[in-house]
């Protein structure tokens, strides 16, 4: 017969394994970046030639998410210059959608624990 303590020990063991498993984090972060933040940033990006907007991308590693543009003039659009006002795009996209990342991470780890 299984005691309540045995059940609790198994549950704690499952939680410890889930915490060390990076896949739920990476899945949540990838979904957040590719399906939420990048489209949002592209939607608010200023468009002249479209090069800046089209160059907004994401990269997810085991412990971080990068949302970036590799367009040469991205920094000048984001921060402005002495002659052109700033048109922040990536930072506001991340800030506005940050709570959604936490929710997705919680959801993915819950799913992992239910396996």
PDB file of N, CA and C in Angstrom:
ATOM      1  N   UNK A   1       0.847  -1.183   0.000  1.00  0.00           N
ATOM      2  CA  UNK A   1       0.000   0.000   0.000  1.00  0.00           C
ATOM      3  C   UNK A   1       0.893   1.247   0.000  1.00  0.00           C
ATOM      4  N   UNK A   2       0.524   2.201  -0.783  1.00  0.00           N
ATOM      5  CA  UNK A   2       1.294   3.434  -0.905  1.00  0.00           C
ATOM      6  C   UNK A   2       0.824   4.439   0.135  1.00  0.00           C
ATOM      7  N   UNK A   3       1.780   4.955   0.888  1.00  0.00           N
ATOM      8  CA  UNK A   3       1.427   5.947   1.902  1.00  0.00           C
ATOM      9  C   UNK A   3       1.452   7.344   1.297  1.00  0.00           C
ATOM     10  N   UNK A   4       0.875   8.268   2.003  1.00  0.00           N
ATOM     11  CA  UNK A   4       0.869   9.659   1.563  1.00  0.00           C
ATOM     12  C   UNK A   4       2.275  10.222   1.432  1.00  0.00           C
ATOM     13  N   UNK A   5       3.172   9.756   2.298  1.00  0.00           N
ATOM     14  CA  UNK A   5       4.555  10.226   2.247  1.00  0.00           C
ATOM     15  C   UNK A   5       5.235   9.744   0.966  1.00  0.00           C
ATOM     16  N   UNK A   6       4.965   8.502   0.569  1.00  0.00           N
ATOM     17  CA  UNK A   6       5.555   7.981  -0.670  1.00  0.00           C
ATOM     18  C   UNK A   6       5.064   8.767  -1.884  1.00  0.00           C
ATOM     19  N   UNK A   7       3.795   9.088  -1.889  1.00  0.00           N
ATOM     20  CA  UNK A   7       3.224   9.872  -2.988  1.00  0.00           C
ATOM     21  C   UNK A   7       3.883  11.248  -3.033  1.00  0.00           C
ATOM     22  N   UNK A   8       4.040  11.848  -1.853  1.00  0.00           N
ATOM     23  CA  UNK A   8       4.654  13.172  -1.791  1.00  0.00           C
ATOM     24  C   UNK A   8       6.110  13.116  -2.256  1.00  0.00           C
ATOM     25  N   UNK A   9       6.844  12.082  -1.879  1.00  0.00           N
ATOM     26  CA  UNK A   9       8.234  11.942  -2.313  1.00  0.00           C
ATOM     27  C   UNK A   9       8.318  11.821  -3.833  1.00  0.00           C
ATOM     28  N   UNK A  10       7.417  11.027  -4.424  1.00  0.00           N
ATOM     29  CA  UNK A  10       7.411  10.894  -5.884  1.00  0.00           C
ATOM     30  C   UNK A  10       7.095  12.225  -6.550  1.00  0.00           C
ATOM     31  N   UNK A  11       6.146  12.942  -5.986  1.00  0.00           N
ATOM     32  CA  UNK A  11       5.758  14.242  -6.550  1.00  0.00           C
ATOM     33  C   UNK A  11       6.925  15.234  -6.478  1.00  0.00           C
ATOM     34  N   UNK A  12       7.603  15.273  -5.357  1.00  0.00           N
ATOM     35  CA  UNK A  12       8.760  16.159  -5.208  1.00  0.00           C
ATOM     36  C   UNK A  12       9.850  15.768  -6.198  1.00  0.00           C
ATOM     37  N   UNK A  13      10.055  14.467  -6.387  1.00  0.00           N
ATOM     38  CA  UNK A  13      11.035  14.008  -7.372  1.00  0.00           C
ATOM     39  C   UNK A  13      10.675  14.464  -8.772  1.00  0.00           C
ATOM     40  N   UNK A  14       9.386  14.410  -9.114  1.00  0.00           N
ATOM     41  CA  UNK A  14       8.930  14.873 -10.432  1.00  0.00           C
ATOM     42  C   UNK A  14       9.167  16.370 -10.598  1.00  0.00           C
ATOM     43  N   UNK A  15       8.911  17.121  -9.552  1.00  0.00           N
ATOM     44  CA  UNK A  15       9.113  18.575  -9.603  1.00  0.00           C
ATOM     45  C   UNK A  15      10.596  18.888  -9.786  1.00  0.00           C
ATOM     46  N   UNK A  16      11.461  18.178  -9.051  1.00  0.00           N
ATOM     47  CA  UNK A  16      12.910  18.402  -9.195  1.00  0.00           C
ATOM     48  C   UNK A  16      13.366  18.123 -10.626  1.00  0.00           C
ATOM     49  N   UNK A  17      12.866  17.037 -11.215  1.00  0.00           N
ATOM     50  CA  UNK A  17      13.231  16.720 -12.600  1.00  0.00           C
ATOM     51  C   UNK A  17      12.735  17.797 -13.553  1.00  0.00           C
ATOM     52  N   UNK A  18      11.518  18.253 -13.355  1.00  0.00           N
ATOM     53  CA  UNK A  18      10.938  19.270 -14.245  1.00  0.00           C
ATOM     54  C   UNK A  18      11.712  20.575 -14.168  1.00  0.00           C
ATOM     55  N   UNK A  19      12.157  20.933 -12.982  1.00  0.00           N
ATOM     56  CA  UNK A  19      12.895  22.183 -12.813  1.00  0.00           C
ATOM     57  C   UNK A  19      14.197  22.155 -13.609  1.00  0.00           C
ATOM     58  N   UNK A  20      14.843  21.011 -13.666  1.00  0.00           N
ATOM     59  CA  UNK A  20      16.119  20.900 -14.380  1.00  0.00           C
ATOM     60  C   UNK A  20      15.938  20.663 -15.875  1.00  0.00           C
ATOM     61  N   UNK A  21      14.730  20.386 -16.298  1.00  0.00           N
ATOM     62  CA  UNK A  21      14.441  20.161 -17.717  1.00  0.00           C
ATOM     63  C   UNK A  21      14.271  21.516 -18.398  1.00  0.00           C
ATOM     64  N   UNK A  22      15.113  21.813 -19.362  1.00  0.00           N
ATOM     65  CA  UNK A  22      15.077  23.109 -20.058  1.00  0.00           C
ATOM     66  C   UNK A  22      14.055  23.140 -21.191  1.00  0.00           C
ATOM     67  N   UNK A  23      13.545  22.001 -21.611  1.00  0.00           N
ATOM     68  CA  UNK A  23      12.641  21.980 -22.764  1.00  0.00           C
ATOM     69  C   UNK A  23      11.348  22.776 -22.552  1.00  0.00           C
ATOM     70  N   UNK A  24      10.701  22.688 -21.384  1.00  0.00           N
ATOM     71  CA  UNK A  24       9.499  23.517 -21.207  1.00  0.00           C
ATOM     72  C   UNK A  24       9.805  25.010 -21.330  1.00  0.00           C
ATOM     73  N   UNK A  25      10.937  25.435 -20.753  1.00  0.00           N
ATOM     74  CA  UNK A  25      11.346  26.839 -20.860  1.00  0.00           C
ATOM     75  C   UNK A  25      11.572  27.216 -22.313  1.00  0.00           C
ATOM     76  N   UNK A  26      12.341  26.396 -23.032  1.00  0.00           N
ATOM     77  CA  UNK A  26      12.670  26.722 -24.417  1.00  0.00           C
ATOM     78  C   UNK A  26      11.423  26.735 -25.296  1.00  0.00           C
ATOM     79  N   UNK A  27      10.511  25.800 -25.057  1.00  0.00           N
ATOM     80  CA  UNK A  27       9.276  25.767 -25.844  1.00  0.00           C
ATOM     81  C   UNK A  27       8.444  27.022 -25.589  1.00  0.00           C
ATOM     82  N   UNK A  28       8.317  27.401 -24.321  1.00  0.00           N
ATOM     83  CA  UNK A  28       7.548  28.602 -23.980  1.00  0.00           C
ATOM     84  C   UNK A  28       8.216  29.854 -24.533  1.00  0.00           C
ATOM     85  N   UNK A  29       9.518  29.943 -24.383  1.00  0.00           N
ATOM     86  CA  UNK A  29      10.252  31.119 -24.860  1.00  0.00           C
ATOM     87  C   UNK A  29      10.198  31.235 -26.378  1.00  0.00           C
ATOM     88  N   UNK A  30      10.300  30.112 -27.069  1.00  0.00           N
ATOM     89  CA  UNK A  30      10.228  30.123 -28.531  1.00  0.00           C
ATOM     90  C   UNK A  30       8.847  30.559 -28.997  1.00  0.00           C
ATOM     91  N   UNK A  31       7.820  30.007 -28.372  1.00  0.00           N
ATOM     92  CA  UNK A  31       6.451  30.401 -28.726  1.00  0.00           C
ATOM     93  C   UNK A  31       6.244  31.892 -28.475  1.00  0.00           C
ATOM     94  N   UNK A  32       6.684  32.357 -27.326  1.00  0.00           N
ATOM     95  CA  UNK A  32       6.538  33.769 -26.965  1.00  0.00           C
ATOM     96  C   UNK A  32       7.244  34.665 -27.962  1.00  0.00           C
ATOM     97  N   UNK A  33       8.483  34.331 -28.272  1.00  0.00           N
ATOM     98  CA  UNK A  33       9.268  35.170 -29.177  1.00  0.00           C
ATOM     99  C   UNK A  33       8.715  35.151 -30.596  1.00  0.00           C
ATOM    100  N   UNK A  34       8.492  33.950 -31.132  1.00  0.00           N
ATOM    101  CA  UNK A  34       8.120  33.823 -32.540  1.00  0.00           C
ATOM    102  C   UNK A  34       6.661  34.158 -32.831  1.00  0.00           C
ATOM    103  N   UNK A  35       5.781  33.869 -31.883  1.00  0.00           N
ATOM    104  CA  UNK A  35       4.357  34.053 -32.152  1.00  0.00           C
ATOM    105  C   UNK A  35       3.762  35.313 -31.529  1.00  0.00           C
ATOM    106  N   UNK A  36       4.469  35.906 -30.576  1.00  0.00           N
ATOM    107  CA  UNK A  36       3.910  37.074 -29.888  1.00  0.00           C
ATOM    108  C   UNK A  36       4.784  38.318 -30.083  1.00  0.00           C
ATOM    109  N   UNK A  37       6.034  38.261 -29.643  1.00  0.00           N
ATOM    110  CA  UNK A  37       6.868  39.465 -29.613  1.00  0.00           C
ATOM    111  C   UNK A  37       7.322  39.913 -30.998  1.00  0.00           C
ATOM    112  N   UNK A  38       7.880  39.009 -31.784  1.00  0.00           N
ATOM    113  CA  UNK A  38       8.377  39.406 -33.104  1.00  0.00           C
ATOM    114  C   UNK A  38       7.240  39.947 -33.978  1.00  0.00           C
ATOM    115  N   UNK A  39       6.089  39.273 -34.065  1.00  0.00           N
ATOM    116  CA  UNK A  39       5.004  39.863 -34.864  1.00  0.00           C
ATOM    117  C   UNK A  39       4.542  41.223 -34.336  1.00  0.00           C
ATOM    118  N   UNK A  40       4.511  41.374 -33.005  1.00  0.00           N
ATOM    119  CA  UNK A  40       4.119  42.657 -32.425  1.00  0.00           C
ATOM    120  C   UNK A  40       5.124  43.738 -32.807  1.00  0.00           C
ATOM    121  N   UNK A  41       6.419  43.426 -32.658  1.00  0.00           N
ATOM    122  CA  UNK A  41       7.468  44.397 -33.004  1.00  0.00           C
ATOM    123  C   UNK A  41       7.400  44.767 -34.481  1.00  0.00           C
ATOM    124  N   UNK A  42       7.195  43.780 -35.330  1.00  0.00           N
ATOM    125  CA  UNK A  42       7.099  44.063 -36.767  1.00  0.00           C
ATOM    126  C   UNK A  42       5.870  44.916 -37.072  1.00  0.00           C
ATOM    127  N   UNK A  43       4.824  44.725 -36.284  1.00  0.00           N
ATOM    128  CA  UNK A  43       3.603  45.501 -36.486  1.00  0.00           C
ATOM    129  C   UNK A  43       3.735  46.965 -36.115  1.00  0.00           C
ATOM    130  N   UNK A  44       4.605  47.270 -35.151  1.00  0.00           N
ATOM    131  CA  UNK A  44       4.771  48.669 -34.739  1.00  0.00           C
ATOM    132  C   UNK A  44       6.037  49.303 -35.316  1.00  0.00           C
ATOM    133  N   UNK A  45       6.811  48.521 -36.054  1.00  0.00           N
ATOM    134  CA  UNK A  45       8.069  49.038 -36.617  1.00  0.00           C
ATOM    135  C   UNK A  45       7.797  50.081 -37.694  1.00  0.00           C
ATOM    136  N   UNK A  46       8.591  51.155 -37.694  1.00  0.00           N
ATOM    137  CA  UNK A  46       8.462  52.133 -38.775  1.00  0.00           C
ATOM    138  C   UNK A  46       8.927  51.494 -40.086  1.00  0.00           C
ATOM    139  N   UNK A  47       8.252  51.865 -41.158  1.00  0.00           N
ATOM    140  CA  UNK A  47       8.582  51.257 -42.447  1.00  0.00           C
ATOM    141  C   UNK A  47       8.936  52.345 -43.447  1.00  0.00           C
ATOM    142  N   UNK A  48      10.149  52.294 -43.915  1.00  0.00           N
ATOM    143  CA  UNK A  48      10.568  53.135 -45.038  1.00  0.00           C
ATOM    144  C   UNK A  48      10.825  52.166 -46.185  1.00  0.00           C
ATOM    145  N   UNK A  49      11.904  51.418 -46.070  1.00  0.00           N
ATOM    146  CA  UNK A  49      12.178  50.383 -47.071  1.00  0.00           C
ATOM    147  C   UNK A  49      11.680  49.023 -46.601  1.00  0.00           C
ATOM    148  N   UNK A  50      11.422  48.884 -45.298  1.00  0.00           N
ATOM    149  CA  UNK A  50      11.000  47.609 -44.733  1.00  0.00           C
ATOM    150  C   UNK A  50      12.161  46.757 -44.258  1.00  0.00           C
ATOM    151  N   UNK A  51      13.384  47.218 -44.487  1.00  0.00           N
ATOM    152  CA  UNK A  51      14.563  46.436 -44.096  1.00  0.00           C
ATOM    153  C   UNK A  51      14.613  46.219 -42.583  1.00  0.00           C
ATOM    154  N   UNK A  52      14.370  47.272 -41.806  1.00  0.00           N
ATOM    155  CA  UNK A  52      14.392  47.144 -40.347  1.00  0.00           C
ATOM    156  C   UNK A  52      13.309  46.177 -39.887  1.00  0.00           C
ATOM    157  N   UNK A  53      12.096  46.405 -40.316  1.00  0.00           N
ATOM    158  CA  UNK A  53      10.977  45.551 -39.917  1.00  0.00           C
ATOM    159  C   UNK A  53      11.252  44.087 -40.269  1.00  0.00           C
ATOM    160  N   UNK A  54      11.698  43.853 -41.481  1.00  0.00           N
ATOM    161  CA  UNK A  54      11.913  42.485 -41.944  1.00  0.00           C
ATOM    162  C   UNK A  54      13.096  41.798 -41.270  1.00  0.00           C
ATOM    163  N   UNK A  55      13.967  42.569 -40.639  1.00  0.00           N
ATOM    164  CA  UNK A  55      15.148  41.975 -40.008  1.00  0.00           C
ATOM    165  C   UNK A  55      14.941  41.664 -38.526  1.00  0.00           C
ATOM    166  N   UNK A  56      13.778  41.944 -37.983  1.00  0.00           N
ATOM    167  CA  UNK A  56      13.515  41.651 -36.569  1.00  0.00           C
ATOM    168  C   UNK A  56      13.352  40.140 -36.422  1.00  0.00           C
ATOM    169  N   UNK A  57      14.167  39.563 -35.537  1.00  0.00           N
ATOM    170  CA  UNK A  57      14.196  38.116 -35.344  1.00  0.00           C
ATOM    171  C   UNK A  57      14.314  37.778 -33.860  1.00  0.00           C
ATOM    172  N   UNK A  58      14.288  36.480 -33.579  1.00  0.00           N
ATOM    173  CA  UNK A  58      14.478  36.022 -32.207  1.00  0.00           C
ATOM    174  C   UNK A  58      15.451  34.855 -32.178  1.00  0.00           C
ATOM    175  N   UNK A  59      16.017  34.659 -30.997  1.00  0.00           N
ATOM    176  CA  UNK A  59      16.924  33.537 -30.761  1.00  0.00           C
ATOM    177  C   UNK A  59      16.717  33.090 -29.320  1.00  0.00           C
ATOM    178  N   UNK A  60      16.526  31.800 -29.114  1.00  0.00           N
ATOM    179  CA  UNK A  60      16.289  31.260 -27.777  1.00  0.00           C
ATOM    180  C   UNK A  60      17.399  30.271 -27.438  1.00  0.00           C
ATOM    181  N   UNK A  61      17.979  30.437 -26.251  1.00  0.00           N
ATOM    182  CA  UNK A  61      18.973  29.487 -25.749  1.00  0.00           C
ATOM    183  C   UNK A  61      18.420  28.866 -24.472  1.00  0.00           C
ATOM    184  N   UNK A  62      19.246  28.085 -23.791  1.00  0.00           N
ATOM    185  CA  UNK A  62      18.789  27.441 -22.560  1.00  0.00           C
ATOM    186  C   UNK A  62      18.417  28.421 -21.459  1.00  0.00           C
ATOM    187  N   UNK A  63      18.947  29.637 -21.516  1.00  0.00           N
ATOM    188  CA  UNK A  63      18.682  30.560 -20.417  1.00  0.00           C
ATOM    189  C   UNK A  63      18.369  31.995 -20.832  1.00  0.00           C
ATOM    190  N   UNK A  64      18.161  32.240 -22.118  1.00  0.00           N
ATOM    191  CA  UNK A  64      17.792  33.605 -22.504  1.00  0.00           C
ATOM    192  C   UNK A  64      17.056  33.636 -23.833  1.00  0.00           C
ATOM    193  N   UNK A  65      16.355  34.747 -24.016  1.00  0.00           N
ATOM    194  CA  UNK A  65      15.668  35.027 -25.278  1.00  0.00           C
ATOM    195  C   UNK A  65      16.231  36.335 -25.804  1.00  0.00           C
ATOM    196  N   UNK A  66      16.594  36.359 -27.063  1.00  0.00           N
ATOM    197  CA  UNK A  66      17.067  37.594 -27.699  1.00  0.00           C
ATOM    198  C   UNK A  66      16.097  37.961 -28.802  1.00  0.00           C
ATOM    199  N   UNK A  67      15.614  39.192 -28.756  1.00  0.00           N
ATOM    200  CA  UNK A  67      14.819  39.761 -29.839  1.00  0.00           C
ATOM    201  C   UNK A  67      15.703  40.858 -30.407  1.00  0.00           C
ATOM    202  N   UNK A  68      15.977  40.815 -31.692  1.00  0.00           N
ATOM    203  CA  UNK A  68      16.951  41.738 -32.246  1.00  0.00           C
ATOM    204  C   UNK A  68      16.678  42.020 -33.716  1.00  0.00           C
ATOM    205  N   UNK A  69      17.373  43.021 -34.198  1.00  0.00           N
ATOM    206  CA  UNK A  69      17.383  43.339 -35.622  1.00  0.00           C
ATOM    207  C   UNK A  69      18.835  43.416 -36.044  1.00  0.00           C
ATOM    208  N   UNK A  70      19.150  42.785 -37.151  1.00  0.00           N
ATOM    209  CA  UNK A  70      20.526  42.878 -37.630  1.00  0.00           C
ATOM    210  C   UNK A  70      20.679  43.917 -38.744  1.00  0.00           C
ATOM    211  N   UNK A  71      19.661  44.752 -38.911  1.00  0.00           N
ATOM    212  CA  UNK A  71      19.776  45.855 -39.871  1.00  0.00           C
ATOM    213  C   UNK A  71      20.809  46.848 -39.340  1.00  0.00           C
ATOM    214  N   UNK A  72      21.649  47.348 -40.221  1.00  0.00           N
ATOM    215  CA  UNK A  72      22.707  48.280 -39.814  1.00  0.00           C
ATOM    216  C   UNK A  72      22.168  49.501 -39.084  1.00  0.00           C
ATOM    217  N   UNK A  73      21.029  49.978 -39.490  1.00  0.00           N
ATOM    218  CA  UNK A  73      20.484  51.211 -38.925  1.00  0.00           C
ATOM    219  C   UNK A  73      19.502  50.972 -37.778  1.00  0.00           C
ATOM    220  N   UNK A  74      19.406  49.753 -37.284  1.00  0.00           N
ATOM    221  CA  UNK A  74      18.438  49.423 -36.232  1.00  0.00           C
ATOM    222  C   UNK A  74      18.633  50.269 -34.973  1.00  0.00           C
ATOM    223  N   UNK A  75      19.863  50.438 -34.541  1.00  0.00           N
ATOM    224  CA  UNK A  75      20.129  51.206 -33.317  1.00  0.00           C
ATOM    225  C   UNK A  75      19.672  52.652 -33.460  1.00  0.00           C
ATOM    226  N   UNK A  76      19.816  53.209 -34.656  1.00  0.00           N
ATOM    227  CA  UNK A  76      19.409  54.599 -34.866  1.00  0.00           C
ATOM    228  C   UNK A  76      17.890  54.730 -34.896  1.00  0.00           C
ATOM    229  N   UNK A  77      17.215  53.710 -35.360  1.00  0.00           N
ATOM    230  CA  UNK A  77      15.747  53.736 -35.328  1.00  0.00           C
ATOM    231  C   UNK A  77      15.283  53.592 -33.885  1.00  0.00           C
ATOM    232  N   UNK A  78      15.835  52.624 -33.187  1.00  0.00           N
ATOM    233  CA  UNK A  78      15.440  52.320 -31.811  1.00  0.00           C
ATOM    234  C   UNK A  78      15.738  53.482 -30.861  1.00  0.00           C
ATOM    235  N   UNK A  79      16.943  54.053 -30.954  1.00  0.00           N
ATOM    236  CA  UNK A  79      17.382  55.085 -30.007  1.00  0.00           C
ATOM    237  C   UNK A  79      17.341  56.504 -30.548  1.00  0.00           C
ATOM    238  N   UNK A  80      17.216  56.657 -31.842  1.00  0.00           N
ATOM    239  CA  UNK A  80      17.212  57.982 -32.444  1.00  0.00           C
ATOM    240  C   UNK A  80      18.622  58.522 -32.636  1.00  0.00           C
ATOM    241  N   UNK A  81      18.697  59.678 -33.250  1.00  0.00           N
ATOM    242  CA  UNK A  81      19.973  60.374 -33.455  1.00  0.00           C
ATOM    243  C   UNK A  81      19.758  61.833 -33.068  1.00  0.00           C
ATOM    244  N   UNK A  82      20.773  62.644 -33.264  1.00  0.00           N
ATOM    245  CA  UNK A  82      20.609  64.069 -32.952  1.00  0.00           C
ATOM    246  C   UNK A  82      19.620  64.732 -33.910  1.00  0.00           C
ATOM    247  N   UNK A  83      19.429  64.131 -35.074  1.00  0.00           N
ATOM    248  CA  UNK A  83      18.531  64.728 -36.063  1.00  0.00           C
ATOM    249  C   UNK A  83      17.224  63.962 -36.274  1.00  0.00           C
ATOM    250  N   UNK A  84      17.159  62.755 -35.781  1.00  0.00           N
ATOM    251  CA  UNK A  84      15.943  61.945 -35.965  1.00  0.00           C
ATOM    252  C   UNK A  84      15.470  61.437 -34.609  1.00  0.00           C
ATOM    253  N   UNK A  85      14.175  61.547 -34.365  1.00  0.00           N
ATOM    254  CA  UNK A  85      13.646  61.097 -33.078  1.00  0.00           C
ATOM    255  C   UNK A  85      13.652  59.564 -33.006  1.00  0.00           C
ATOM    256  N   UNK A  86      13.714  59.054 -31.780  1.00  0.00           N
ATOM    257  CA  UNK A  86      13.702  57.606 -31.557  1.00  0.00           C
ATOM    258  C   UNK A  86      12.332  57.046 -31.918  1.00  0.00           C
ATOM    259  N   UNK A  87      12.344  55.850 -32.463  1.00  0.00           N
ATOM    260  CA  UNK A  87      11.108  55.131 -32.767  1.00  0.00           C
ATOM    261  C   UNK A  87      11.226  53.726 -32.163  1.00  0.00           C
ATOM    262  N   UNK A  88      11.188  53.655 -30.827  1.00  0.00           N
ATOM    263  CA  UNK A  88      11.386  52.371 -30.157  1.00  0.00           C
ATOM    264  C   UNK A  88      10.405  51.319 -30.663  1.00  0.00           C
ATOM    265  N   UNK A  89      10.928  50.155 -30.892  1.00  0.00           N
ATOM    266  CA  UNK A  89      10.126  49.068 -31.437  1.00  0.00           C
ATOM    267  C   UNK A  89      10.314  47.792 -30.634  1.00  0.00           C
ATOM    268  N   UNK A  90      11.544  47.329 -30.538  1.00  0.00           N
ATOM    269  CA  UNK A  90      11.809  46.038 -29.902  1.00  0.00           C
ATOM    270  C   UNK A  90      11.598  46.105 -28.392  1.00  0.00           C
ATOM    271  N   UNK A  91      12.143  47.128 -27.736  1.00  0.00           N
ATOM    272  CA  UNK A  91      11.974  47.239 -26.278  1.00  0.00           C
ATOM    273  C   UNK A  91      10.502  47.320 -25.870  1.00  0.00           C
ATOM    274  N   UNK A  92       9.687  48.156 -26.527  1.00  0.00           N
ATOM    275  CA  UNK A  92       8.270  48.186 -26.155  1.00  0.00           C
ATOM    276  C   UNK A  92       7.553  46.858 -26.429  1.00  0.00           C
ATOM    277  N   UNK A  93       7.954  46.170 -27.492  1.00  0.00           N
ATOM    278  CA  UNK A  93       7.329  44.876 -27.797  1.00  0.00           C
ATOM    279  C   UNK A  93       7.625  43.863 -26.696  1.00  0.00           C
ATOM    280  N   UNK A  94       8.861  43.854 -26.222  1.00  0.00           N
ATOM    281  CA  UNK A  94       9.236  42.943 -25.140  1.00  0.00           C
ATOM    282  C   UNK A  94       8.524  43.343 -23.851  1.00  0.00           C
ATOM    283  N   UNK A  95       8.557  44.620 -23.508  1.00  0.00           N
ATOM    284  CA  UNK A  95       7.952  45.092 -22.258  1.00  0.00           C
ATOM    285  C   UNK A  95       6.454  44.810 -22.208  1.00  0.00           C
ATOM    286  N   UNK A  96       5.768  45.073 -23.291  1.00  0.00           N
ATOM    287  CA  UNK A  96       4.317  44.878 -23.315  1.00  0.00           C
ATOM    288  C   UNK A  96       3.939  43.403 -23.177  1.00  0.00           C
ATOM    289  N   UNK A  97       4.763  42.533 -23.711  1.00  0.00           N
ATOM    290  CA  UNK A  97       4.414  41.114 -23.751  1.00  0.00           C
ATOM    291  C   UNK A  97       5.138  40.249 -22.726  1.00  0.00           C
ATOM    292  N   UNK A  98       5.945  40.848 -21.866  1.00  0.00           N
ATOM    293  CA  UNK A  98       6.693  40.086 -20.856  1.00  0.00           C
ATOM    294  C   UNK A  98       5.789  39.233 -19.954  1.00  0.00           C
ATOM    295  N   UNK A  99       4.653  39.734 -19.476  1.00  0.00           N
ATOM    296  CA  UNK A  99       3.801  38.888 -18.632  1.00  0.00           C
ATOM    297  C   UNK A  99       3.330  37.612 -19.342  1.00  0.00           C
ATOM    298  N   UNK A 100       3.203  37.678 -20.642  1.00  0.00           N
ATOM    299  CA  UNK A 100       2.775  36.493 -21.391  1.00  0.00           C
ATOM    300  C   UNK A 100       3.836  35.401 -21.354  1.00  0.00           C
ATOM    301  N   UNK A 101       5.104  35.779 -21.268  1.00  0.00           N
ATOM    302  CA  UNK A 101       6.172  34.782 -21.171  1.00  0.00           C
ATOM    303  C   UNK A 101       6.042  34.010 -19.865  1.00  0.00           C
ATOM    304  N   UNK A 102       5.826  34.709 -18.773  1.00  0.00           N
ATOM    305  CA  UNK A 102       5.668  34.038 -17.478  1.00  0.00           C
ATOM    306  C   UNK A 102       4.511  33.056 -17.514  1.00  0.00           C
ATOM    307  N   UNK A 103       3.409  33.471 -18.113  1.00  0.00           N
ATOM    308  CA  UNK A 103       2.241  32.595 -18.205  1.00  0.00           C
ATOM    309  C   UNK A 103       2.545  31.358 -19.053  1.00  0.00           C
ATOM    310  N   UNK A 104       3.241  31.540 -20.161  1.00  0.00           N
ATOM    311  CA  UNK A 104       3.588  30.403 -21.021  1.00  0.00           C
ATOM    312  C   UNK A 104       4.557  29.448 -20.327  1.00  0.00           C
ATOM    313  N   UNK A 105       5.517  29.983 -19.589  1.00  0.00           N
ATOM    314  CA  UNK A 105       6.464  29.130 -18.868  1.00  0.00           C
ATOM    315  C   UNK A 105       5.724  28.305 -17.818  1.00  0.00           C
ATOM    316  N   UNK A 106       4.846  28.950 -17.054  1.00  0.00           N
ATOM    317  CA  UNK A 106       4.055  28.209 -16.053  1.00  0.00           C
ATOM    318  C   UNK A 106       3.239  27.107 -16.718  1.00  0.00           C
ATOM    319  N   UNK A 107       2.605  27.438 -17.831  1.00  0.00           N
ATOM    320  CA  UNK A 107       1.781  26.460 -18.553  1.00  0.00           C
ATOM    321  C   UNK A 107       2.615  25.268 -19.006  1.00  0.00           C
ATOM    322  N   UNK A 108       3.778  25.514 -19.592  1.00  0.00           N
ATOM    323  CA  UNK A 108       4.639  24.427 -20.095  1.00  0.00           C
ATOM    324  C   UNK A 108       5.154  23.550 -18.957  1.00  0.00           C
ATOM    325  N   UNK A 109       5.520  24.146 -17.823  1.00  0.00           N
ATOM    326  CA  UNK A 109       5.994  23.329 -16.705  1.00  0.00           C
ATOM    327  C   UNK A 109       4.851  22.531 -16.083  1.00  0.00           C
ATOM    328  N   UNK A 110       3.668  23.096 -16.040  1.00  0.00           N
ATOM    329  CA  UNK A 110       2.513  22.321 -15.553  1.00  0.00           C
ATOM    330  C   UNK A 110       2.271  21.116 -16.446  1.00  0.00           C
ATOM    331  N   UNK A 111       2.333  21.343 -17.763  1.00  0.00           N
ATOM    332  CA  UNK A 111       2.163  20.233 -18.711  1.00  0.00           C
ATOM    333  C   UNK A 111       3.237  19.178 -18.487  1.00  0.00           C
ATOM    334  N   UNK A 112       4.457  19.618 -18.248  1.00  0.00           N
ATOM    335  CA  UNK A 112       5.577  18.688 -18.020  1.00  0.00           C
ATOM    336  C   UNK A 112       5.347  17.861 -16.764  1.00  0.00           C
ATOM    337  N   UNK A 113       4.818  18.490 -15.718  1.00  0.00           N
ATOM    338  CA  UNK A 113       4.570  17.774 -14.464  1.00  0.00           C
ATOM    339  C   UNK A 113       3.433  16.767 -14.585  1.00  0.00           C
ATOM    340  N   UNK A 114       2.529  16.993 -15.509  1.00  0.00           N
ATOM    341  CA  UNK A 114       1.389  16.086 -15.673  1.00  0.00           C
ATOM    342  C   UNK A 114       1.724  14.875 -16.531  1.00  0.00           C
ATOM    343  N   UNK A 115       2.911  14.837 -17.100  1.00  0.00           N
ATOM    344  CA  UNK A 115       3.301  13.690 -17.938  1.00  0.00           C
ATOM    345  C   UNK A 115       3.602  12.485 -17.090  1.00  0.00           C
TER     346      UNK A 115
END
